[in-house]
Amino acid sequence: MSAAAPTVRTRIAPSPTGDPHVGTAYVALFNWMWAKKHGGQFLLRIEDTDQVRSTSESEAAIMRSLRWIGLPWDEGPDIGGPVGPYRQSERTEIYQRHVAQLLETGGAYRCFCTAERLEGVRAAQLAAKTHMKYDGHCRRLSAAEVQSRVAAGETYVVRMAFPETGITIVPDQLRGGIEFQNEQIDDQVLLKSDGYPTYHLANVVDDHLMGITDVIRAEEWISSTPKHVRLYEAFGWTAPKFFHLPLLRNADRSKISKRKNPVSLDYYERIGILPEAMRNFLGLLGYSMPNDQEIFDLDEMLQGFDFGRLNLGGPVFDRAKLDWLNGQYIRKMGPAVLAERVAATFLTPERLAAIAPLALERVDRLDQFVPLLAYLLGGKLEYTHELLLKLTGRKGAFEWLPGDEATELLRRTAETLDTVRPWTAATIEAAVTALCEQTGWKKGRVLSPVRAAVSARPATPPLFELLEALGGAVTRARLRDAAEWIEANPRPE
């Protein structure tokens, strides 16, 4: 009698380096669906080995957004589980122990090359128009020399010893076997000089130790998978099944990015997209239900879920379709439920308490509150050239800000604010001040179009307090929307 098949275990493993991404939710949905279809477990693991960019605020936002969208996990850093810890920063000793195993068996080697030498290698390869990869210099060092340099205290990283000839086949469950020429694959760094692992080592070790049977992730990781396949072999482990989902696309078929589409789940929550509508929308991206059903809940999708119904062409993240779908869910509500959902999204005591200080010195009657600050409650703004490009000086004098300068100011500010954590008036102001000092821009020349972009008004409460109340996701999306509007609507000369 054959042994019972292992329980299906899937995972989502986001890096807490920014806003919670719609792509994370998209991949999480298919991982959740596959695990639940087979009566298995869905895990959350936080891949926070990037010590510079990872933040606790981003981690908390990711978990809150996954809860908002309704994809609960069975094991994770907040609820624990039998194979924790579930944060990679808490598993460093585990990775170092496994690297030592690879060094012992020849699956990896120490590399002492300096940044200057590596840059020289890259420059030579670029000039010769050869494939860009590490040249294997330290792979050829004798054991005695390695020991001598370690004993002397030289800094080193650990690289995997990838096969130098032949092919590696990635068995993708959606695409079949994908062949890679080994000579084209780099000897990937596995352990950095600070003792922290790279993604590749931590990913493989964690997936094995956590019993992940099915790795379901975006297709951008296909090129990394031959390294993972070979790492499983080097450890003597059985690799999981690999499923690489098609990337989400903008309308122009480019990879979805915050430059062309808001990608933060926080943004969609703040503008009033319902979690059930977002789940439905993500389920439609590249996937088709029987009878072309467009409106369905998780249970309906789960009943007939089959990866064979997945279209590998890049699904378009169509915001108009999302709005339409959201509207269908709204129209199924009764008036009482609609009022409750509006209040829970926009009119909570916490939300009103954050906005109230901005109105306190500016209203004489309560009925002035909503008209004064309506733009803080969501909605798409209407722009004009006068708002975005007109710089008013003393005694009514003004000048027009060139459109290309305004778009650069707005986009650079959005990029700067992408990394601001925590999101407070003080940290926002510090980031904008640093940007002005770095670029030589006058602060007033930056703040004027920023104010107009986030409010569509010539005058507002103090700007940095306003941005704090508006929230990071909406602020950055509006800055990029305004830049796009300026490009699409050149001011007549």
Protein backbone atom coordinates (compact mmCIF):
# COMPACT_ATOMS: atom_id res chain seq x y z
CA MET A 1 0.00 0.00 0.00
CA SER A 2 1.41 3.42 -0.96
CA ALA A 3 2.22 5.99 1.69
CA ALA A 4 -0.24 8.78 2.26
CA ALA A 5 0.48 12.01 0.40
CA PRO A 6 1.93 14.77 2.60
CA THR A 7 -0.38 17.50 3.78
CA VAL A 8 -0.29 20.44 1.39
CA ARG A 9 1.47 23.39 2.98
CA THR A 10 1.83 26.72 1.20
CA ARG A 11 3.15 30.09 2.31
CA ILE A 12 3.29 33.77 1.52
CA ALA A 13 6.62 35.36 2.39
CA PRO A 14 6.55 39.15 1.95
CA SER A 15 9.45 41.46 2.66
CA PRO A 16 8.44 44.27 5.06
CA THR A 17 10.11 47.06 3.12
CA GLY A 18 7.15 49.18 2.01
CA ASP A 19 3.39 49.34 1.70
CA PRO A 20 1.45 46.05 1.50
CA HIS A 21 1.39 45.27 -2.22
CA VAL A 22 -1.58 44.09 -4.30
CA GLY A 23 0.79 41.51 -5.82
CA THR A 24 1.33 40.04 -2.36
CA ALA A 25 -2.43 39.67 -1.93
CA TYR A 26 -2.75 38.15 -5.42
CA VAL A 27 -0.11 35.50 -4.68
CA ALA A 28 -1.52 34.97 -1.18
CA LEU A 29 -4.98 34.27 -2.62
CA PHE A 30 -3.73 31.42 -4.81
CA ASN A 31 -1.58 29.99 -2.01
CA TRP A 32 -4.54 30.12 0.38
CA MET A 33 -6.85 28.58 -2.22
CA TRP A 34 -4.51 25.67 -3.01
CA ALA A 35 -3.89 24.83 0.65
CA LYS A 36 -7.57 24.96 1.60
CA LYS A 37 -8.62 22.94 -1.45
CA HIS A 38 -6.44 20.10 -0.12
CA GLY A 39 -7.26 20.54 3.55
CA GLY A 40 -3.75 21.86 4.22
CA GLN A 41 -2.16 24.85 5.91
CA PHE A 42 -1.32 28.36 4.70
CA LEU A 43 1.64 30.04 6.42
CA LEU A 44 2.82 33.63 6.73
CA ARG A 45 6.58 34.13 6.90
CA ILE A 46 8.25 37.54 7.12
CA GLU A 47 11.41 37.75 5.02
CA ASP A 48 13.13 40.62 6.84
CA THR A 49 16.81 39.92 6.23
CA ASP A 50 17.20 43.34 4.56
CA GLN A 51 18.26 45.10 7.74
CA VAL A 52 18.34 48.55 6.13
CA ARG A 53 14.89 48.61 4.52
CA SER A 54 12.81 46.28 6.73
CA THR A 55 10.58 47.98 9.30
CA SER A 56 8.19 46.80 11.98
CA GLU A 57 5.63 49.33 10.66
CA SER A 58 5.68 47.67 7.25
CA GLU A 59 5.34 44.21 8.81
CA ALA A 60 2.32 45.33 10.82
CA ALA A 61 0.77 46.91 7.72
CA ILE A 62 1.20 43.70 5.71
CA MET A 63 -0.52 41.60 8.38
CA ARG A 64 -3.32 44.13 8.81
CA SER A 65 -3.96 44.28 5.06
CA LEU A 66 -4.01 40.49 4.66
CA ARG A 67 -6.55 40.35 7.49
CA TRP A 68 -8.56 43.13 5.85
CA ILE A 69 -8.74 41.25 2.57
CA GLY A 70 -9.81 38.10 4.42
CA LEU A 71 -6.93 35.64 3.92
CA PRO A 72 -6.11 34.31 7.39
CA TRP A 73 -3.00 32.22 7.96
CA ASP A 74 -2.65 29.08 10.06
CA GLU A 75 0.89 29.77 11.27
CA GLY A 76 2.86 32.99 11.43
CA PRO A 77 4.91 35.42 13.49
CA ASP A 78 1.89 36.74 15.37
CA ILE A 79 0.18 33.44 16.17
CA GLY A 80 3.15 31.08 16.26
CA GLY A 81 3.23 27.48 15.11
CA PRO A 82 5.28 24.30 15.30
CA VAL A 83 8.08 25.34 12.90
CA GLY A 84 8.83 28.90 14.03
CA PRO A 85 10.18 31.41 14.40
CA TYR A 86 8.43 32.88 11.36
CA ARG A 87 10.63 35.96 10.96
CA GLN A 88 13.87 35.33 9.10
CA SER A 89 15.74 37.84 11.26
CA GLU A 90 15.13 35.48 14.18
CA ARG A 91 16.52 32.43 12.31
CA THR A 92 20.09 33.60 11.63
CA GLU A 93 21.69 30.77 13.60
CA ILE A 94 19.71 28.23 11.57
CA TYR A 95 21.05 29.63 8.29
CA GLN A 96 24.63 29.78 9.54
CA ARG A 97 24.40 26.15 10.63
CA HIS A 98 23.18 25.11 7.19
CA VAL A 99 25.86 27.16 5.43
CA ALA A 100 28.47 25.34 7.51
CA GLN A 101 26.99 22.09 6.22
CA LEU A 102 27.35 23.26 2.60
CA LEU A 103 30.95 24.36 3.21
CA GLU A 104 31.72 20.94 4.62
CA THR A 105 30.22 19.04 1.68
CA GLY A 106 31.53 21.33 -1.08
CA GLY A 107 28.16 22.81 -1.96
CA ALA A 108 29.46 26.29 -1.13
CA TYR A 109 32.73 28.17 -0.70
CA ARG A 110 34.10 31.32 0.92
CA CYS A 111 34.71 34.31 -1.33
CA PHE A 112 37.18 37.01 -0.21
CA CYS A 113 36.87 39.23 -3.29
CA THR A 114 36.69 42.95 -2.55
CA ALA A 115 34.09 45.29 -4.00
CA GLU A 116 36.84 46.82 -6.16
CA ARG A 117 37.81 43.46 -7.64
CA LEU A 118 34.19 42.56 -8.36
CA GLU A 119 33.65 45.91 -10.05
CA GLY A 120 36.73 45.26 -12.20
CA VAL A 121 35.38 41.85 -13.21
CA ARG A 122 32.03 43.39 -14.18
CA ALA A 123 33.71 46.15 -16.18
CA ALA A 124 35.84 43.61 -18.08
CA GLN A 125 32.84 41.42 -18.86
CA LEU A 126 30.85 44.44 -20.00
CA ALA A 127 33.68 45.53 -22.30
CA ALA A 128 34.03 42.01 -23.69
CA LYS A 129 30.22 41.70 -24.01
CA THR A 130 30.28 38.38 -22.17
CA HIS A 131 27.73 37.07 -19.70
CA MET A 132 27.77 39.01 -16.42
CA LYS A 133 28.50 36.69 -13.50
CA TYR A 134 31.06 36.04 -10.79
CA ASP A 135 34.22 34.59 -12.37
CA GLY A 136 34.76 31.87 -9.75
CA HIS A 137 38.12 33.23 -8.60
CA CYS A 138 37.78 32.15 -4.95
CA ARG A 139 36.23 28.84 -5.94
CA ARG A 140 39.71 27.73 -6.98
CA LEU A 141 41.50 28.62 -3.74
CA SER A 142 43.13 25.75 -1.89
CA ALA A 143 41.75 24.67 1.48
CA ALA A 144 45.00 25.78 3.12
CA GLU A 145 44.77 29.29 1.66
CA VAL A 146 41.12 29.59 2.69
CA GLN A 147 41.95 28.60 6.26
CA SER A 148 44.87 31.01 6.36
CA ARG A 149 42.75 33.95 5.19
CA VAL A 150 39.96 33.12 7.61
CA ALA A 151 42.46 32.92 10.45
CA ALA A 152 43.86 36.30 9.42
CA GLY A 153 40.40 37.80 9.89
CA GLU A 154 39.69 38.60 6.23
CA THR A 155 36.10 39.49 5.43
CA TYR A 156 34.27 37.04 3.21
CA VAL A 157 30.88 36.01 1.89
CA VAL A 158 29.75 32.46 1.19
CA ARG A 159 28.77 31.55 -2.37
CA MET A 160 27.05 28.44 -3.65
CA ALA A 161 29.14 26.22 -5.92
CA PHE A 162 26.76 26.06 -8.87
CA PRO A 163 27.54 23.42 -11.51
CA GLU A 164 29.66 25.01 -14.24
CA THR A 165 28.50 22.82 -17.14
CA GLY A 166 25.36 21.03 -18.23
CA ILE A 167 21.77 22.12 -17.70
CA THR A 168 19.40 22.52 -14.79
CA ILE A 169 15.72 21.80 -15.34
CA VAL A 170 13.11 23.65 -13.30
CA PRO A 171 9.98 21.48 -13.09
CA ASP A 172 7.27 24.16 -13.14
CA GLN A 173 3.78 22.78 -12.56
CA LEU A 174 2.20 25.39 -14.86
CA ARG A 175 4.79 25.51 -17.64
CA GLY A 176 6.48 22.11 -17.67
CA GLY A 177 10.25 21.70 -17.50
CA ILE A 178 12.23 24.92 -18.04
CA GLU A 179 15.86 24.41 -19.06
CA PHE A 180 18.74 26.65 -17.94
CA GLN A 181 22.33 26.46 -19.16
CA ASN A 182 24.46 26.12 -16.03
CA GLU A 183 27.28 28.23 -17.45
CA GLN A 184 24.88 31.18 -17.46
CA ILE A 185 24.05 30.89 -13.73
CA ASP A 186 26.00 32.88 -11.14
CA ASP A 187 27.60 31.44 -8.02
CA GLN A 188 25.02 33.16 -5.85
CA VAL A 189 26.02 34.72 -2.53
CA LEU A 190 24.27 32.71 0.20
CA LEU A 191 25.62 34.34 3.34
CA LYS A 192 26.65 38.00 3.45
CA SER A 193 29.71 39.25 5.30
CA ASP A 194 27.50 40.43 8.17
CA GLY A 195 26.34 36.86 8.79
CA TYR A 196 22.88 37.44 7.34
CA PRO A 197 21.56 35.15 4.60
CA THR A 198 20.48 36.25 1.15
CA TYR A 199 16.97 35.52 -0.05
CA HIS A 200 18.05 32.37 -1.86
CA LEU A 201 19.52 30.54 1.11
CA ALA A 202 16.87 31.61 3.62
CA ASN A 203 14.07 30.80 1.20
CA VAL A 204 15.21 27.24 0.57
CA VAL A 205 16.13 26.44 4.17
CA ASP A 206 12.88 27.87 5.52
CA ASP A 207 10.67 26.18 2.95
CA HIS A 208 12.26 22.83 3.76
CA LEU A 209 12.21 23.18 7.54
CA MET A 210 8.67 24.53 7.50
CA GLY A 211 7.46 21.60 5.39
CA ILE A 212 6.32 23.69 2.42
CA THR A 213 5.13 21.25 -0.22
CA ASP A 214 4.07 23.72 -2.92
CA VAL A 215 5.87 26.99 -3.68
CA ILE A 216 3.42 29.30 -5.44
CA ARG A 217 4.96 32.65 -6.35
CA ALA A 218 5.27 35.22 -9.15
CA GLU A 219 6.99 34.32 -12.40
CA GLU A 220 9.74 36.89 -11.79
CA TRP A 221 11.32 34.22 -9.53
CA ILE A 222 11.66 31.68 -12.37
CA SER A 223 15.22 32.78 -13.13
CA SER A 224 16.18 32.20 -9.47
CA THR A 225 14.63 28.75 -9.26
CA PRO A 226 17.53 26.79 -10.82
CA LYS A 227 19.65 28.03 -7.90
CA HIS A 228 16.98 26.81 -5.51
CA VAL A 229 16.71 23.45 -7.25
CA ARG A 230 20.47 22.97 -6.94
CA LEU A 231 20.45 24.05 -3.29
CA TYR A 232 17.87 21.37 -2.51
CA GLU A 233 20.16 18.85 -4.21
CA ALA A 234 23.22 20.11 -2.30
CA PHE A 235 21.39 19.62 0.99
CA GLY A 236 20.06 16.22 -0.07
CA TRP A 237 16.46 17.38 0.23
CA THR A 238 13.42 16.78 -1.95
CA ALA A 239 12.35 20.03 -3.61
CA PRO A 240 8.73 21.21 -3.33
CA LYS A 241 6.51 21.64 -6.35
CA PHE A 242 6.94 25.01 -8.07
CA PHE A 243 4.09 27.09 -9.49
CA HIS A 244 5.00 30.46 -11.01
CA LEU A 245 2.01 32.76 -11.41
CA PRO A 246 1.86 35.30 -14.25
CA LEU A 247 2.85 38.83 -13.30
CA LEU A 248 0.20 41.49 -12.91
CA ARG A 249 0.37 44.05 -15.71
CA ASN A 250 -0.55 47.66 -16.36
CA ALA A 251 -2.83 48.44 -19.29
CA ASP A 252 0.25 48.91 -21.52
CA ARG A 253 1.35 45.36 -20.57
CA SER A 254 4.29 46.58 -18.47
CA LYS A 255 4.80 45.03 -15.05
CA ILE A 256 2.48 46.63 -12.52
CA SER A 257 4.28 49.35 -10.61
CA LYS A 258 3.46 52.28 -8.36
CA ARG A 259 4.61 54.65 -11.12
CA LYS A 260 1.59 53.74 -13.25
CA ASN A 261 -0.91 52.22 -10.81
CA PRO A 262 -1.41 52.49 -7.06
CA VAL A 263 -0.15 49.13 -5.81
CA SER A 264 -0.73 49.57 -2.08
CA LEU A 265 -3.58 47.64 -0.49
CA ASP A 266 -3.81 50.51 1.99
CA TYR A 267 -4.71 52.83 -0.88
CA TYR A 268 -7.59 50.68 -2.08
CA GLU A 269 -8.92 50.26 1.44
CA ARG A 270 -8.74 54.03 2.02
CA ILE A 271 -10.67 54.89 -1.16
CA GLY A 272 -13.48 52.51 -0.25
CA ILE A 273 -12.82 49.32 -2.19
CA LEU A 274 -14.55 46.51 -0.32
CA PRO A 275 -12.36 43.56 0.73
CA GLU A 276 -14.79 41.07 -0.79
CA ALA A 277 -14.64 42.98 -4.09
CA MET A 278 -10.84 43.06 -4.02
CA ARG A 279 -10.69 39.30 -3.37
CA ASN A 280 -13.08 38.72 -6.27
CA PHE A 281 -11.05 41.02 -8.53
CA LEU A 282 -7.76 39.32 -7.70
CA GLY A 283 -9.40 35.96 -8.36
CA LEU A 284 -10.30 37.14 -11.87
CA LEU A 285 -6.72 38.11 -12.72
CA GLY A 286 -5.61 35.39 -15.08
CA TYR A 287 -8.13 32.90 -13.72
CA SER A 288 -11.50 31.94 -15.19
CA MET A 289 -14.43 30.45 -13.33
CA PRO A 290 -16.71 27.85 -14.92
CA ASN A 291 -19.37 29.48 -17.12
CA ASP A 292 -17.28 32.70 -17.09
CA GLN A 293 -18.79 33.69 -13.74
CA GLU A 294 -17.44 37.13 -12.78
CA ILE A 295 -18.91 37.71 -9.33
CA PHE A 296 -18.03 35.03 -6.78
CA ASP A 297 -16.91 34.66 -3.19
CA LEU A 298 -14.04 32.63 -1.72
CA ASP A 299 -16.19 29.55 -1.14
CA GLU A 300 -17.41 29.53 -4.75
CA MET A 301 -13.86 29.89 -6.07
CA LEU A 302 -12.67 27.16 -3.72
CA GLN A 303 -15.30 24.63 -4.83
CA GLY A 304 -13.97 24.29 -8.35
CA PHE A 305 -10.45 25.64 -7.96
CA ASP A 306 -8.07 24.22 -10.57
CA PHE A 307 -4.72 25.61 -11.71
CA GLY A 308 -5.65 24.38 -15.18
CA ARG A 309 -8.02 27.36 -15.41
CA LEU A 310 -5.13 29.82 -14.99
CA ASN A 311 -4.13 31.84 -18.07
CA LEU A 312 -0.36 32.37 -18.12
CA GLY A 313 -0.65 35.58 -20.14
CA GLY A 314 -0.02 38.61 -17.95
CA PRO A 315 -3.35 39.64 -16.41
CA VAL A 316 -4.09 43.38 -16.58
CA PHE A 317 -4.79 45.16 -13.31
CA ASP A 318 -7.74 47.13 -14.65
CA ARG A 319 -8.82 49.77 -12.11
CA ALA A 320 -12.00 50.51 -14.05
CA LYS A 321 -12.96 46.83 -13.78
CA LEU A 322 -12.20 46.90 -10.05
CA ASP A 323 -14.45 49.96 -9.61
CA TRP A 324 -17.24 48.25 -11.61
CA LEU A 325 -16.94 45.09 -9.54
CA ASN A 326 -16.92 47.08 -6.31
CA GLY A 327 -20.08 48.80 -7.47
CA GLN A 328 -21.78 45.44 -8.00
CA TYR A 329 -21.09 44.53 -4.38
CA ILE A 330 -22.30 47.91 -3.14
CA ARG A 331 -25.57 47.57 -5.06
CA LYS A 332 -26.24 44.22 -3.40
CA MET A 333 -26.22 45.93 0.01
CA GLY A 334 -29.24 47.35 1.73
CA PRO A 335 -29.15 51.06 2.69
CA ALA A 336 -28.43 50.24 6.34
CA VAL A 337 -25.44 48.05 5.44
CA LEU A 338 -24.12 50.68 3.04
CA ALA A 339 -24.33 53.36 5.73
CA GLU A 340 -22.54 51.06 8.16
CA ARG A 341 -19.73 50.31 5.68
CA VAL A 342 -19.24 54.00 4.81
CA ALA A 343 -19.05 54.88 8.49
CA ALA A 344 -16.63 52.03 9.20
CA THR A 345 -14.35 53.13 6.35
CA PHE A 346 -14.43 56.92 6.49
CA LEU A 347 -16.20 58.09 9.63
CA THR A 348 -14.72 56.08 12.46
CA PRO A 349 -14.02 57.99 15.68
CA GLU A 350 -10.29 57.41 15.12
CA ARG A 351 -10.43 58.80 11.57
CA LEU A 352 -12.44 61.85 12.58
CA ALA A 353 -10.15 62.44 15.54
CA ALA A 354 -7.16 62.54 13.17
CA ILE A 355 -8.88 65.06 10.89
CA ALA A 356 -10.51 67.28 13.52
CA PRO A 357 -7.32 69.18 14.53
CA LEU A 358 -6.96 70.38 10.94
CA ALA A 359 -10.42 72.00 11.04
CA LEU A 360 -10.46 73.38 14.56
CA GLU A 361 -9.23 76.87 13.69
CA ARG A 362 -10.97 76.99 10.32
CA VAL A 363 -14.67 76.38 10.95
CA ASP A 364 -17.31 78.51 12.63
CA ARG A 365 -20.14 75.99 12.20
CA LEU A 366 -20.19 72.19 12.15
CA ASP A 367 -21.71 72.15 8.68
CA GLN A 368 -18.46 73.63 7.36
CA PHE A 369 -16.41 70.64 8.49
CA VAL A 370 -17.17 68.19 5.67
CA PRO A 371 -16.90 70.69 2.78
CA LEU A 372 -13.62 71.98 4.19
CA LEU A 373 -11.95 68.59 4.54
CA ALA A 374 -13.89 66.34 2.15
CA TYR A 375 -10.73 65.61 0.16
CA LEU A 376 -9.32 63.84 3.22
CA LEU A 377 -12.12 61.29 3.10
CA GLY A 378 -11.18 59.91 -0.29
CA GLY A 379 -12.37 60.43 -3.84
CA LYS A 380 -10.59 61.31 -7.07
CA LEU A 381 -9.44 64.91 -7.32
CA GLU A 382 -10.01 67.35 -10.17
CA TYR A 383 -6.91 69.27 -11.19
CA THR A 384 -6.30 72.48 -13.14
CA HIS A 385 -3.15 74.16 -14.41
CA GLU A 386 -3.80 77.08 -12.06
CA LEU A 387 -3.77 74.76 -9.07
CA LEU A 388 -0.74 72.66 -9.95
CA LEU A 389 1.50 75.04 -11.87
CA LYS A 390 0.78 78.59 -10.72
CA LEU A 391 3.25 79.86 -8.13
CA THR A 392 1.96 82.98 -6.38
CA GLY A 393 4.45 85.34 -4.79
CA ARG A 394 4.22 88.58 -2.89
CA LYS A 395 1.71 91.31 -3.84
CA GLY A 396 -0.08 88.96 -6.22
CA ALA A 397 2.88 88.33 -8.48
CA PHE A 398 3.03 84.87 -9.94
CA GLU A 399 4.94 82.61 -12.31
CA TRP A 400 4.13 79.40 -14.09
CA LEU A 401 6.04 76.31 -13.00
CA PRO A 402 7.16 74.45 -16.15
CA GLY A 403 5.24 71.20 -16.55
CA ASP A 404 8.32 69.00 -16.81
CA GLU A 405 9.73 70.55 -13.65
CA ALA A 406 6.44 70.03 -11.81
CA THR A 407 6.24 66.35 -12.80
CA GLU A 408 9.82 65.79 -11.65
CA LEU A 409 9.15 67.55 -8.33
CA LEU A 410 6.02 65.49 -7.69
CA ARG A 411 7.52 62.14 -8.67
CA ARG A 412 10.76 62.67 -6.76
CA THR A 413 8.73 63.66 -3.70
CA ALA A 414 6.59 60.53 -4.05
CA GLU A 415 9.71 58.37 -4.32
CA THR A 416 11.20 60.06 -1.27
CA LEU A 417 8.04 59.49 0.74
CA ASP A 418 7.93 55.81 -0.27
CA THR A 419 10.49 55.05 2.42
CA VAL A 420 9.16 57.23 5.24
CA ARG A 421 8.44 55.16 8.35
CA PRO A 422 6.75 55.94 10.66
CA TRP A 423 4.34 58.22 8.78
CA THR A 424 4.21 61.37 10.90
CA ALA A 425 4.30 65.08 10.15
CA ALA A 426 7.83 65.27 11.58
CA THR A 427 9.25 62.40 9.51
CA ILE A 428 7.52 63.64 6.34
CA GLU A 429 8.91 67.15 6.80
CA ALA A 430 12.40 65.80 7.48
CA ALA A 431 12.29 63.71 4.28
CA VAL A 432 11.08 66.60 2.12
CA THR A 433 13.66 68.97 3.65
CA ALA A 434 16.42 66.46 2.93
CA LEU A 435 15.20 66.13 -0.68
CA CYS A 436 15.33 69.91 -1.14
CA GLU A 437 18.84 70.07 0.30
CA GLN A 438 19.98 67.21 -1.91
CA THR A 439 18.54 68.68 -5.12
CA GLY A 440 18.95 72.39 -4.41
CA TRP A 441 15.22 72.97 -4.90
CA LYS A 442 13.62 75.80 -2.98
CA LYS A 443 11.22 74.37 -0.43
CA GLY A 444 8.32 76.63 -1.42
CA ARG A 445 8.71 75.58 -5.05
CA VAL A 446 8.20 71.96 -3.99
CA LEU A 447 5.47 72.44 -1.40
CA SER A 448 3.13 74.41 -3.67
CA PRO A 449 2.53 71.65 -6.27
CA VAL A 450 2.57 69.00 -3.53
CA ARG A 451 -0.19 70.83 -1.64
CA ALA A 452 -2.27 71.16 -4.79
CA ALA A 453 -1.66 67.52 -5.81
CA VAL A 454 -2.92 66.04 -2.54
CA SER A 455 -5.85 68.42 -2.01
CA ALA A 456 -6.77 70.10 -5.33
CA ARG A 457 -7.06 73.31 -3.31
CA PRO A 458 -4.95 76.47 -3.27
CA ALA A 459 -4.94 76.64 0.54
CA THR A 460 -5.03 73.91 3.18
CA PRO A 461 -4.20 73.30 6.81
CA PRO A 462 -0.44 72.96 7.55
CA LEU A 463 0.86 70.68 4.84
CA PHE A 464 2.80 68.08 6.82
CA GLU A 465 -0.01 67.61 9.35
CA LEU A 466 -2.35 67.29 6.38
CA LEU A 467 -0.18 64.56 4.79
CA GLU A 468 -0.05 62.66 8.07
CA ALA A 469 -3.86 62.67 8.28
CA LEU A 470 -4.21 61.74 4.60
CA GLY A 471 -1.97 58.69 4.99
CA GLY A 472 1.07 57.54 3.05
CA ALA A 473 -0.63 55.38 0.43
CA VAL A 474 -3.11 58.05 -0.66
CA THR A 475 -0.51 60.84 -0.51
CA ARG A 476 1.90 59.04 -2.81
CA ALA A 477 -0.82 57.93 -5.21
CA ARG A 478 -2.12 61.51 -5.53
CA LEU A 479 1.36 62.90 -6.17
CA ARG A 480 1.81 60.43 -9.02
CA ASP A 481 -1.72 61.03 -10.32
CA ALA A 482 -1.05 64.78 -10.46
CA ALA A 483 2.24 64.24 -12.31
CA GLU A 484 0.45 62.02 -14.81
CA TRP A 485 -2.32 64.65 -15.25
CA ILE A 486 0.26 67.36 -16.01
CA GLU A 487 1.91 65.15 -18.66
CA ALA A 488 -1.44 64.31 -20.24
CA ASN A 489 -2.63 67.95 -20.17
CA PRO A 490 0.16 70.30 -21.28
CA ARG A 491 -0.55 73.93 -20.41
CA PRO A 492 -1.21 76.03 -23.52
CA GLU A 493 1.54 78.63 -23.91
